[in-house]
């Protein structure tokens, strides 16, 4: 797959949200020469209803409307409830406060999407987006269902643009459309290719991403042998990590291709209680390079590395509940340091997991078939923190689940998703 890069002029875009409950916001210094909202006057978003995005039992098309519960969106098919492929979180507005809860699902054919566009007259859906309780104007996301199309630029070989449109039903985003049905304005598509990596190193996944230089979100998804960033106008992208070019491709890709890892501003409770607000710094989850290849038997009675987690700064909330510390991620020859390490173990009826000390083993319901997470504080002396894990089995799914990692959005908390064999493991603090 060959991509051509284009130069784009910066643009200034206004952001607007429709939210259920707001209070006034003050500002305090963020320690980096800027400001962030003060905790005593923060705008509080209330969260009635929806518990987890997505959950594994059903997908609720509209919060509180149980009559419209179903288990699949047409574009994603059987992968709808498998979070390693998709993403869901509350997007953040220009004042660094939570906006609408928005999910994105992608199709299986992303690795061959360029071959599916035979000419400049045809557009193909590459994601379906659902906004539960608001809009996100910067990406043309309306409330409820939206379809993101990819189309070729006229007269520009190998260059693309995108169009987000509101659709009445999720099934309306399941097929190609004539470009004539999708008038301007369009979203920009910026492909990112990593030297030395191949098609298999870009997972068929979609992610929400955040511009590091302006308060706006953009969309990331695989597009053949590239990672495509879809935005309104020019964007500053997000942080990029890199390893020595001599490192094995599997080790490089989990740090260098954004679809493998996940990075966002994590949620913490407001003070006084009643809602959540985003931290003023990022949390990052990176899967272990070998997680993709692990079989179920590999976890039986053995602590298997799932990946590493890092915060830009100290968070008492996340240290308390998940033992996560600040740390630096790799850049070039700098291998990074002080990363919190997460391992998973499956305690079957035949083999038990070992805990140090044994008294720290958490009570997880007393079953003979239980998964656990071991979260290791960085440092010369191993300090372990253990949590119960809920595993969702997807052994009947027709293709391998990618070894990706993702923050799990919950409206009373945030935690982690890790691939665990042909299944998904969520850490339950």
Protein backbone atom coordinates (compact mmCIF):
# COMPACT_ATOMS: atom_id res chain seq x y z
CA UNK A 1 0.00 0.00 0.00
CA UNK A 2 1.47 3.36 -1.04
CA UNK A 3 0.42 6.57 0.66
CA UNK A 4 1.19 10.12 -0.45
CA UNK A 5 1.36 12.87 2.13
CA UNK A 6 -0.29 16.26 1.67
CA UNK A 7 0.40 19.57 3.42
CA UNK A 8 -2.59 20.97 5.29
CA UNK A 9 -3.16 24.46 6.65
CA UNK A 10 -4.09 24.76 10.33
CA UNK A 11 -7.68 25.63 11.10
CA UNK A 12 -9.53 26.82 14.16
CA UNK A 13 -12.65 24.85 14.98
CA UNK A 14 -15.29 25.52 17.60
CA UNK A 15 -16.45 22.66 19.82
CA UNK A 16 -19.97 22.39 21.23
CA UNK A 17 -21.68 19.80 23.43
CA UNK A 18 -25.17 19.03 24.63
CA UNK A 19 -24.91 17.55 28.14
CA UNK A 20 -27.40 16.72 30.85
CA UNK A 21 -25.97 18.50 33.91
CA UNK A 22 -23.45 21.31 34.31
CA UNK A 23 -22.08 23.60 37.03
CA UNK A 24 -19.66 26.54 36.66
CA UNK A 25 -15.94 25.84 36.32
CA UNK A 26 -13.00 27.76 37.77
CA UNK A 27 -9.35 27.27 36.81
CA UNK A 28 -6.14 26.46 38.65
CA UNK A 29 -2.52 26.15 37.49
CA UNK A 30 -1.71 22.74 36.01
CA UNK A 31 2.00 22.85 36.93
CA UNK A 32 3.02 23.08 33.26
CA UNK A 33 2.53 26.79 32.69
CA UNK A 34 -1.16 26.43 31.81
CA UNK A 35 -4.48 26.14 33.57
CA UNK A 36 -7.07 23.47 34.20
CA UNK A 37 -10.50 23.54 35.84
CA UNK A 38 -10.46 23.83 39.64
CA UNK A 39 -11.88 20.87 41.56
CA UNK A 40 -14.05 23.08 43.74
CA UNK A 41 -15.97 24.54 40.81
CA UNK A 42 -15.69 21.79 38.21
CA UNK A 43 -18.51 21.17 35.77
CA UNK A 44 -20.01 17.87 36.88
CA UNK A 45 -21.39 15.34 34.42
CA UNK A 46 -23.97 13.07 36.01
CA UNK A 47 -24.14 9.44 34.94
CA UNK A 48 -27.54 7.79 35.28
CA UNK A 49 -28.03 4.48 33.55
CA UNK A 50 -25.31 3.13 31.28
CA UNK A 51 -22.77 1.05 33.22
CA UNK A 52 -19.98 0.03 30.86
CA UNK A 53 -19.06 0.78 27.27
CA UNK A 54 -19.35 -1.74 25.80
CA UNK A 55 -20.57 -4.50 28.07
CA UNK A 56 -20.39 -8.15 27.02
CA UNK A 57 -24.05 -9.04 27.57
CA UNK A 58 -25.74 -6.68 25.14
CA UNK A 59 -25.30 -3.33 23.51
CA UNK A 60 -27.80 -0.69 24.63
CA UNK A 61 -28.54 1.50 21.63
CA UNK A 62 -29.92 4.28 23.78
CA UNK A 63 -29.27 4.64 27.47
CA UNK A 64 -32.24 3.43 29.52
CA UNK A 65 -34.15 2.12 26.48
CA UNK A 66 -34.01 -1.63 27.11
CA UNK A 67 -36.41 -2.28 24.24
CA UNK A 68 -33.59 -1.47 21.78
CA UNK A 69 -30.94 -3.77 23.27
CA UNK A 70 -29.10 -5.93 20.75
CA UNK A 71 -25.75 -7.66 20.54
CA UNK A 72 -24.28 -6.50 17.21
CA UNK A 73 -23.90 -3.51 14.97
CA UNK A 74 -23.96 -4.54 11.32
CA UNK A 75 -20.62 -3.03 10.33
CA UNK A 76 -18.64 -4.76 13.10
CA UNK A 77 -20.62 -8.01 13.10
CA UNK A 78 -19.53 -10.64 15.62
CA UNK A 79 -16.70 -8.37 16.84
CA UNK A 80 -19.15 -5.77 18.23
CA UNK A 81 -18.66 -6.68 21.89
CA UNK A 82 -14.92 -7.41 21.70
CA UNK A 83 -13.18 -4.24 22.97
CA UNK A 84 -9.77 -5.08 21.52
CA UNK A 85 -11.13 -3.98 18.13
CA UNK A 86 -13.07 -0.89 19.17
CA UNK A 87 -13.08 2.05 21.57
CA UNK A 88 -15.51 3.89 23.81
CA UNK A 89 -15.09 6.82 26.17
CA UNK A 90 -16.36 10.28 27.05
CA UNK A 91 -14.75 12.84 24.77
CA UNK A 92 -13.31 15.96 26.38
CA UNK A 93 -14.23 19.54 25.54
CA UNK A 94 -12.15 22.72 25.21
CA UNK A 95 -12.27 23.31 29.00
CA UNK A 96 -10.90 19.81 29.64
CA UNK A 97 -14.23 18.54 30.93
CA UNK A 98 -16.11 15.42 29.87
CA UNK A 99 -18.50 15.72 26.95
CA UNK A 100 -20.59 13.01 25.28
CA UNK A 101 -20.11 9.26 25.72
CA UNK A 102 -19.11 8.04 22.24
CA UNK A 103 -18.30 4.58 20.90
CA UNK A 104 -16.57 3.64 17.65
CA UNK A 105 -16.75 0.25 15.89
CA UNK A 106 -14.79 -0.80 12.81
CA UNK A 107 -15.23 -3.52 10.15
CA UNK A 108 -13.13 -6.60 9.52
CA UNK A 109 -12.03 -5.41 6.09
CA UNK A 110 -9.86 -2.47 7.24
CA UNK A 111 -6.60 -4.25 6.18
CA UNK A 112 -7.86 -4.33 2.56
CA UNK A 113 -9.84 -1.09 2.54
CA UNK A 114 -7.81 0.48 -0.29
CA UNK A 115 -8.57 -2.46 -2.57
CA UNK A 116 -12.28 -1.99 -1.80
CA UNK A 117 -12.31 1.50 -3.35
CA UNK A 118 -12.08 0.92 -7.11
CA UNK A 119 -12.57 4.56 -8.19
CA UNK A 120 -13.19 8.15 -7.11
CA UNK A 121 -16.96 7.69 -7.34
CA UNK A 122 -17.38 5.17 -4.51
CA UNK A 123 -17.14 5.56 -0.72
CA UNK A 124 -16.85 2.74 1.81
CA UNK A 125 -17.78 2.79 5.54
CA UNK A 126 -14.75 2.40 7.81
CA UNK A 127 -16.41 3.04 11.19
CA UNK A 128 -19.77 3.48 12.85
CA UNK A 129 -20.02 5.91 15.74
CA UNK A 130 -22.68 6.16 18.44
CA UNK A 131 -23.03 9.22 20.68
CA UNK A 132 -25.28 8.49 23.64
CA UNK A 133 -25.95 11.89 25.14
CA UNK A 134 -24.51 14.73 23.08
CA UNK A 135 -22.78 15.84 19.90
CA UNK A 136 -19.14 16.39 18.94
CA UNK A 137 -19.14 19.04 16.25
CA UNK A 138 -15.41 18.97 15.57
CA UNK A 139 -15.83 15.55 13.89
CA UNK A 140 -19.43 16.13 12.69
CA UNK A 141 -20.73 13.56 15.20
CA UNK A 142 -24.46 13.92 15.82
CA UNK A 143 -26.36 12.34 18.69
CA UNK A 144 -27.08 8.61 18.20
CA UNK A 145 -25.76 6.90 15.03
CA UNK A 146 -23.12 8.20 12.62
CA UNK A 147 -21.28 6.56 9.74
CA UNK A 148 -17.70 7.38 8.74
CA UNK A 149 -16.89 6.90 5.04
CA UNK A 150 -13.52 6.77 3.31
CA UNK A 151 -13.26 8.11 -0.25
CA UNK A 152 -10.47 8.83 -2.68
CA UNK A 153 -9.33 12.36 -3.45
CA UNK A 154 -10.01 13.24 -7.10
CA UNK A 155 -6.81 13.32 -9.12
CA UNK A 156 -4.63 12.32 -6.14
CA UNK A 157 -3.37 8.76 -6.45
CA UNK A 158 -3.26 7.03 -3.07
CA UNK A 159 -4.70 9.97 -1.09
CA UNK A 160 -7.97 9.86 0.80
CA UNK A 161 -10.49 11.96 2.67
CA UNK A 162 -13.39 11.03 4.95
CA UNK A 163 -16.99 12.02 5.56
CA UNK A 164 -19.04 11.61 8.75
CA UNK A 165 -22.81 11.53 8.29
CA UNK A 166 -25.73 11.03 10.66
CA UNK A 167 -27.78 7.87 9.95
CA UNK A 168 -31.12 6.81 11.37
CA UNK A 169 -30.20 3.20 12.16
CA UNK A 170 -26.91 1.37 12.64
CA UNK A 171 -27.82 -0.88 9.70
CA UNK A 172 -27.65 2.19 7.42
CA UNK A 173 -23.84 2.03 7.76
CA UNK A 174 -23.25 -1.35 6.17
CA UNK A 175 -22.50 -0.74 2.52
CA UNK A 176 -20.80 1.42 -0.10
CA UNK A 177 -22.32 4.71 -1.24
CA UNK A 178 -21.83 6.97 -4.26
CA UNK A 179 -19.54 9.89 -3.49
CA UNK A 180 -22.26 12.13 -4.94
CA UNK A 181 -24.34 11.32 -1.82
CA UNK A 182 -21.54 12.68 0.41
CA UNK A 183 -21.00 16.38 -0.33
CA UNK A 184 -18.32 18.53 1.37
CA UNK A 185 -17.07 19.46 3.89
CA UNK A 186 -14.76 16.49 4.39
CA UNK A 187 -12.44 15.31 7.15
CA UNK A 188 -8.72 14.97 6.53
CA UNK A 189 -7.04 11.54 6.42
CA UNK A 190 -3.36 11.43 7.43
CA UNK A 191 -1.73 7.99 7.00
CA UNK A 192 1.14 7.09 9.32
CA UNK A 193 3.49 4.31 8.22
CA UNK A 194 6.25 2.87 10.39
CA UNK A 195 9.49 1.81 8.63
CA UNK A 196 10.17 -1.90 8.89
CA UNK A 197 6.59 -2.88 9.75
CA UNK A 198 4.20 -4.81 7.50
CA UNK A 199 0.44 -5.20 7.02
CA UNK A 200 0.09 -7.67 9.91
CA UNK A 201 1.61 -5.11 12.28
CA UNK A 202 -1.42 -2.79 11.99
CA UNK A 203 -4.39 -4.25 13.92
CA UNK A 204 -7.89 -3.86 12.46
CA UNK A 205 -8.87 -1.54 15.29
CA UNK A 206 -10.36 1.90 15.85
CA UNK A 207 -9.36 4.35 18.60
CA UNK A 208 -10.24 7.80 19.91
CA UNK A 209 -7.14 9.97 20.01
CA UNK A 210 -6.36 13.47 21.27
CA UNK A 211 -4.37 16.31 19.72
CA UNK A 212 -1.45 17.14 22.00
CA UNK A 213 -1.38 20.79 20.93
CA UNK A 214 -5.07 21.70 20.80
CA UNK A 215 -8.12 20.58 22.84
CA UNK A 216 -9.72 18.36 20.22
CA UNK A 217 -10.15 14.67 19.46
CA UNK A 218 -9.51 12.80 16.24
CA UNK A 219 -10.08 9.22 15.08
CA UNK A 220 -7.38 6.61 14.51
CA UNK A 221 -7.92 3.35 12.63
CA UNK A 222 -5.94 0.92 10.55
CA UNK A 223 -6.08 1.41 6.78
CA UNK A 224 -4.06 -1.33 5.15
CA UNK A 225 -0.36 -1.17 6.06
CA UNK A 226 -0.78 2.20 7.78
CA UNK A 227 -2.49 3.86 10.72
CA UNK A 228 -4.85 6.60 9.53
CA UNK A 229 -5.60 9.69 11.63
CA UNK A 230 -8.91 11.35 10.70
CA UNK A 231 -9.45 14.93 11.80
CA UNK A 232 -11.04 18.26 10.99
CA UNK A 233 -8.27 20.25 9.32
CA UNK A 234 -4.67 20.00 10.43
CA UNK A 235 -3.95 18.33 13.75
CA UNK A 236 -0.97 18.00 16.03
CA UNK A 237 -1.43 14.26 16.51
CA UNK A 238 -0.65 12.72 19.88
CA UNK A 239 2.57 11.47 21.46
CA UNK A 240 4.49 8.91 19.43
CA UNK A 241 6.76 6.27 20.92
CA UNK A 242 9.62 4.53 19.18
CA UNK A 243 12.14 1.78 19.77
CA UNK A 244 15.54 1.08 18.29
CA UNK A 245 15.08 0.00 14.65
CA UNK A 246 17.03 -3.14 15.52
CA UNK A 247 14.27 -4.32 17.85
CA UNK A 248 11.99 -7.14 16.72
CA UNK A 249 8.90 -5.94 14.78
CA UNK A 250 6.51 -7.44 17.36
CA UNK A 251 8.19 -5.47 20.13
CA UNK A 252 8.28 -2.29 18.08
CA UNK A 253 4.69 -2.39 16.86
CA UNK A 254 3.05 -2.42 20.29
CA UNK A 255 4.75 0.92 21.08
CA UNK A 256 4.79 2.49 17.63
CA UNK A 257 1.39 1.60 16.11
CA UNK A 258 -1.38 3.32 18.04
CA UNK A 259 -3.94 0.58 17.52
CA UNK A 260 -2.04 -1.77 19.83
CA UNK A 261 -1.84 0.54 22.83
CA UNK A 262 -4.35 2.95 24.35
CA UNK A 263 -3.83 6.40 25.80
CA UNK A 264 -6.32 8.83 27.31
CA UNK A 265 -7.06 11.23 30.14
CA UNK A 266 -8.43 8.95 32.87
CA UNK A 267 -11.49 9.73 34.95
CA UNK A 268 -11.47 10.47 38.68
CA UNK A 269 -14.42 11.26 41.00
CA UNK A 270 -15.35 14.87 41.47
CA UNK A 271 -15.26 16.54 44.86
CA UNK A 272 -18.00 16.76 46.03
CA UNK A 273 -19.06 13.30 44.71
CA UNK A 274 -21.64 12.87 41.99
CA UNK A 275 -19.71 12.72 38.75
CA UNK A 276 -16.34 12.25 37.08
CA UNK A 277 -13.71 14.63 35.75
CA UNK A 278 -10.64 13.91 33.58
CA UNK A 279 -7.15 13.99 35.01
CA UNK A 280 -4.93 16.77 33.60
CA UNK A 281 -2.41 14.17 32.35
CA UNK A 282 -2.44 10.97 30.31
CA UNK A 283 -2.51 7.30 31.21
CA UNK A 284 -1.09 4.76 28.74
CA UNK A 285 -1.53 0.99 28.42
CA UNK A 286 0.84 -0.99 26.17
CA UNK A 287 0.38 -4.74 25.61
CA UNK A 288 3.22 -7.22 25.89
CA UNK A 289 4.74 -8.02 22.49
CA UNK A 290 3.89 -11.73 22.88
CA UNK A 291 0.32 -11.29 24.13
CA UNK A 292 -1.03 -11.90 20.62
CA UNK A 293 0.41 -15.44 20.58
CA UNK A 294 -0.57 -16.63 24.06
CA UNK A 295 -2.84 -19.67 24.30
CA UNK A 296 -5.23 -20.44 27.15
CA UNK A 297 -2.94 -23.12 28.58
CA UNK A 298 -0.10 -20.58 28.85
CA UNK A 299 -1.97 -18.80 31.68
CA UNK A 300 -2.86 -21.89 33.72
CA UNK A 301 -1.17 -21.49 37.10
CA UNK A 302 1.45 -19.14 35.58
CA UNK A 303 1.82 -15.36 35.71
CA UNK A 304 1.99 -14.24 32.07
CA UNK A 305 3.02 -10.65 31.16
CA UNK A 306 0.03 -8.74 29.80
CA UNK A 307 1.75 -5.37 29.34
CA UNK A 308 2.83 -2.15 30.98
CA UNK A 309 0.96 0.90 32.26
CA UNK A 310 2.21 4.41 32.81
CA UNK A 311 0.91 7.75 34.06
CA UNK A 312 2.49 11.08 33.18
CA UNK A 313 2.16 12.21 36.79
CA UNK A 314 1.21 10.79 40.18
CA UNK A 315 -2.47 9.95 40.73
CA UNK A 316 -3.45 8.90 44.27
CA UNK A 317 -6.71 7.46 42.90
CA UNK A 318 -5.04 5.13 40.39
CA UNK A 319 -2.20 4.21 42.71
CA UNK A 320 -4.75 3.25 45.35
CA UNK A 321 -7.01 1.16 43.15
CA UNK A 322 -4.62 -0.24 40.50
CA UNK A 323 -1.11 0.39 41.90
CA UNK A 324 -0.19 2.49 38.83
CA UNK A 325 2.81 4.80 39.09
CA UNK A 326 4.25 7.53 36.88
CA UNK A 327 6.76 6.32 34.30
CA UNK A 328 8.42 7.16 31.00
CA UNK A 329 7.68 5.32 27.75
CA UNK A 330 10.41 4.57 25.20
CA UNK A 331 11.68 7.02 22.61
CA UNK A 332 14.42 5.90 20.24
CA UNK A 333 17.29 4.39 22.20
CA UNK A 334 15.71 5.43 25.49
CA UNK A 335 13.98 2.24 26.63
CA UNK A 336 11.68 4.00 29.10
CA UNK A 337 11.68 3.50 32.84
CA UNK A 338 9.55 3.02 35.93
CA UNK A 339 6.72 1.27 34.13
CA UNK A 340 4.02 -0.56 36.09
CA UNK A 341 3.86 -4.17 34.89
CA UNK A 342 0.65 -6.19 34.68
CA UNK A 343 0.52 -10.01 34.53
CA UNK A 344 -2.44 -12.40 34.29
CA UNK A 345 -2.90 -15.88 35.74
CA UNK A 346 -5.69 -18.44 35.34
CA UNK A 347 -6.36 -20.56 38.42
CA UNK A 348 -8.10 -23.68 37.16
CA UNK A 349 -9.24 -26.62 39.20
CA UNK A 350 -5.93 -28.33 38.36
CA UNK A 351 -3.36 -25.55 38.79
CA UNK A 352 -3.25 -22.68 41.27
CA UNK A 353 -1.68 -19.23 40.91
CA UNK A 354 1.06 -18.29 43.39
CA UNK A 355 0.72 -15.11 45.45
CA UNK A 356 3.51 -13.30 47.33
CA UNK A 357 2.59 -13.16 50.15
CA UNK A 358 -0.15 -15.79 50.05
CA UNK A 359 -2.35 -13.66 52.30
CA UNK A 360 -2.65 -11.05 49.53
CA UNK A 361 -4.73 -13.36 47.35
CA UNK A 362 -8.01 -11.46 46.72
CA UNK A 363 -11.41 -13.00 47.37
CA UNK A 364 -13.10 -13.25 43.97
CA UNK A 365 -16.22 -15.29 44.64
CA UNK A 366 -14.63 -18.57 45.69
CA UNK A 367 -14.89 -20.37 42.34
CA UNK A 368 -12.43 -23.02 41.21
CA UNK A 369 -12.03 -21.30 37.84
CA UNK A 370 -10.75 -17.77 38.45
CA UNK A 371 -8.48 -15.24 36.74
CA UNK A 372 -6.26 -12.78 38.58
CA UNK A 373 -4.13 -9.74 37.74
CA UNK A 374 -0.77 -9.04 39.35
CA UNK A 375 0.22 -5.38 39.19
CA UNK A 376 3.89 -4.83 39.93
CA UNK A 377 5.11 -1.52 41.23
CA UNK A 378 8.34 -0.43 39.48
CA UNK A 379 11.54 -0.55 41.48
CA UNK A 380 14.38 -2.84 42.47
CA UNK A 381 12.22 -4.71 45.00
CA UNK A 382 9.10 -6.41 43.63
CA UNK A 383 5.93 -5.05 45.24
CA UNK A 384 2.81 -6.79 44.04
CA UNK A 385 -0.82 -5.75 44.08
CA UNK A 386 -3.44 -8.34 43.13
CA UNK A 387 -6.91 -7.90 41.65
CA UNK A 388 -9.75 -10.14 40.52
CA UNK A 389 -10.25 -10.46 36.77
CA UNK A 390 -13.37 -11.25 34.77
CA UNK A 391 -12.67 -13.13 31.55
CA UNK A 392 -15.09 -13.15 28.62
CA UNK A 393 -14.55 -16.17 26.39
CA UNK A 394 -14.62 -15.58 22.63
CA UNK A 395 -13.38 -18.99 21.52
CA UNK A 396 -16.28 -19.16 19.06
CA UNK A 397 -15.19 -15.97 17.30
CA UNK A 398 -14.12 -16.70 13.76
CA UNK A 399 -10.74 -14.93 13.66
CA UNK A 400 -7.91 -14.23 16.13
CA UNK A 401 -8.44 -11.45 18.64
CA UNK A 402 -5.56 -8.98 18.34
CA UNK A 403 -3.22 -8.66 21.31
CA UNK A 404 -4.22 -5.08 21.99
CA UNK A 405 -4.84 -3.25 25.27
CA UNK A 406 -7.53 -0.71 26.09
CA UNK A 407 -8.78 1.40 28.94
CA UNK A 408 -12.29 0.31 29.91
CA UNK A 409 -14.76 3.13 30.36
CA UNK A 410 -17.22 2.68 33.22
CA UNK A 411 -19.48 5.41 34.48
CA UNK A 412 -18.55 4.77 38.09
CA UNK A 413 -14.89 3.95 37.46
CA UNK A 414 -12.23 3.20 34.82
CA UNK A 415 -10.16 0.06 34.55
CA UNK A 416 -8.33 -2.10 31.95
CA UNK A 417 -9.00 -4.55 29.13
CA UNK A 418 -6.28 -7.05 28.16
CA UNK A 419 -6.43 -9.83 25.59
CA UNK A 420 -6.15 -13.21 27.34
CA UNK A 421 -5.93 -16.01 24.79
CA UNK A 422 -9.07 -16.00 22.60
CA UNK A 423 -10.90 -13.89 25.15
CA UNK A 424 -10.97 -10.52 26.93
CA UNK A 425 -9.90 -9.92 30.52
CA UNK A 426 -11.03 -6.91 32.50
CA UNK A 427 -9.36 -6.00 35.78
CA UNK A 428 -11.97 -5.37 38.48
CA UNK A 429 -10.64 -3.22 41.32
